[in-house]
Amino acid sequence: MKGYHLNPDENVVNKVIEGLRRKEGHCPCRIKVDDTTLCPCDDFIQNENCICKLYIKKEEE
């Protein structure tokens, strides 16, 4: 998504990636597991809201 990039905090990225592995590619911050929670989840795509902070706005650095 334009204006976003991978979080530079390696600890956050590693924890989220491990959660993605455990949930087979679904957002680790979501309880529901369906097509809308595949990373990047629909909430991030539609509302630019990455709850797990894997993706952050460029100006948040």
C-alpha atoms as a PDB file:
ATOM      1  CA  MET A   1       0.000   0.000   0.000  1.00  0.00           C
ATOM      2  CA  LYS A   2       1.343   3.373  -0.963  1.00  0.00           C
ATOM      3  CA  GLY A   3       2.706   5.388   1.959  1.00  0.00           C
ATOM      4  CA  TYR A   4       3.389   2.321   4.122  1.00  0.00           C
ATOM      5  CA  HIS A   5       6.378   0.081   4.641  1.00  0.00           C
ATOM      6  CA  LEU A   6       7.473  -2.810   6.787  1.00  0.00           C
ATOM      7  CA  ASN A   7       8.034  -1.834  10.405  1.00  0.00           C
ATOM      8  CA  PRO A   8      11.765  -1.245  11.003  1.00  0.00           C
ATOM      9  CA  ASP A   9      11.474  -2.741  14.528  1.00  0.00           C
ATOM     10  CA  GLU A  10      12.792  -6.288  14.050  1.00  0.00           C
ATOM     11  CA  ASN A  11      11.187  -7.509  17.302  1.00  0.00           C
ATOM     12  CA  VAL A  12       7.715  -6.459  16.139  1.00  0.00           C
ATOM     13  CA  VAL A  13       8.245  -7.934  12.668  1.00  0.00           C
ATOM     14  CA  ASN A  14       9.536 -11.245  14.063  1.00  0.00           C
ATOM     15  CA  LYS A  15       6.611 -11.602  16.474  1.00  0.00           C
ATOM     16  CA  VAL A  16       4.052 -10.809  13.772  1.00  0.00           C
ATOM     17  CA  ILE A  17       5.694 -13.184  11.291  1.00  0.00           C
ATOM     18  CA  GLU A  18       5.644 -15.962  13.878  1.00  0.00           C
ATOM     19  CA  GLY A  19       1.946 -15.253  14.473  1.00  0.00           C
ATOM     20  CA  LEU A  20       1.325 -15.360  10.723  1.00  0.00           C
ATOM     21  CA  ARG A  21       3.022 -18.754  10.565  1.00  0.00           C
ATOM     22  CA  ARG A  22       0.910 -20.114  13.403  1.00  0.00           C
ATOM     23  CA  LYS A  23      -2.287 -18.838  11.784  1.00  0.00           C
ATOM     24  CA  GLU A  24      -1.292 -19.929   8.257  1.00  0.00           C
ATOM     25  CA  GLY A  25      -1.037 -16.402   6.839  1.00  0.00           C
ATOM     26  CA  HIS A  26      -3.953 -14.852   8.708  1.00  0.00           C
ATOM     27  CA  CYS A  27      -3.500 -11.710  10.778  1.00  0.00           C
ATOM     28  CA  PRO A  28      -2.361 -12.748  14.271  1.00  0.00           C
ATOM     29  CA  CYS A  29      -4.336  -9.849  15.757  1.00  0.00           C
ATOM     30  CA  ARG A  30      -7.668 -11.202  14.549  1.00  0.00           C
ATOM     31  CA  ILE A  31      -9.753 -13.881  16.227  1.00  0.00           C
ATOM     32  CA  LYS A  32     -11.731 -14.646  13.079  1.00  0.00           C
ATOM     33  CA  VAL A  33      -9.924 -16.684  10.409  1.00  0.00           C
ATOM     34  CA  ASP A  34     -11.360 -16.218   6.917  1.00  0.00           C
ATOM     35  CA  ASP A  35     -10.513 -14.591   3.591  1.00  0.00           C
ATOM     36  CA  THR A  36     -10.785 -11.103   5.123  1.00  0.00           C
ATOM     37  CA  THR A  37      -8.001 -11.792   7.635  1.00  0.00           C
ATOM     38  CA  LEU A  38      -5.302 -12.976   5.233  1.00  0.00           C
ATOM     39  CA  CYS A  39      -2.308 -10.680   5.533  1.00  0.00           C
ATOM     40  CA  PRO A  40      -2.524  -7.946   4.504  1.00  0.00           C
ATOM     41  CA  CYS A  41      -6.002  -8.073   5.986  1.00  0.00           C
ATOM     42  CA  ASP A  42      -9.022  -6.298   4.526  1.00  0.00           C
ATOM     43  CA  ASP A  43      -9.022  -3.741   7.369  1.00  0.00           C
ATOM     44  CA  PHE A  44      -5.538  -2.638   6.374  1.00  0.00           C
ATOM     45  CA  ILE A  45      -6.350  -2.609   2.660  1.00  0.00           C
ATOM     46  CA  GLN A  46      -9.628  -0.708   3.060  1.00  0.00           C
ATOM     47  CA  ASN A  47      -8.943   1.487   6.106  1.00  0.00           C
ATOM     48  CA  GLU A  48      -5.131   1.642   6.216  1.00  0.00           C
ATOM     49  CA  ASN A  49      -5.256   0.212   9.732  1.00  0.00           C
ATOM     50  CA  CYS A  50      -2.568  -2.384  10.501  1.00  0.00           C
ATOM     51  CA  ILE A  51      -3.390  -3.352  14.076  1.00  0.00           C
ATOM     52  CA  CYS A  52      -0.361  -5.618  14.525  1.00  0.00           C
ATOM     53  CA  LYS A  53       1.979  -2.839  13.264  1.00  0.00           C
ATOM     54  CA  LEU A  54       3.670  -5.023  10.654  1.00  0.00           C
ATOM     55  CA  TYR A  55       3.105  -2.173   8.221  1.00  0.00           C
ATOM     56  CA  ILE A  56       3.467   1.426   9.345  1.00  0.00           C
ATOM     57  CA  LYS A  57       3.100   4.807   7.717  1.00  0.00           C
ATOM     58  CA  LYS A  58       6.370   6.184   6.423  1.00  0.00           C
ATOM     59  CA  GLU A  59       6.102   9.314   8.602  1.00  0.00           C
ATOM     60  CA  GLU A  60       5.720   7.240  11.827  1.00  0.00           C
ATOM     61  CA  GLU A  61       9.427   6.362  11.857  1.00  0.00           C
END
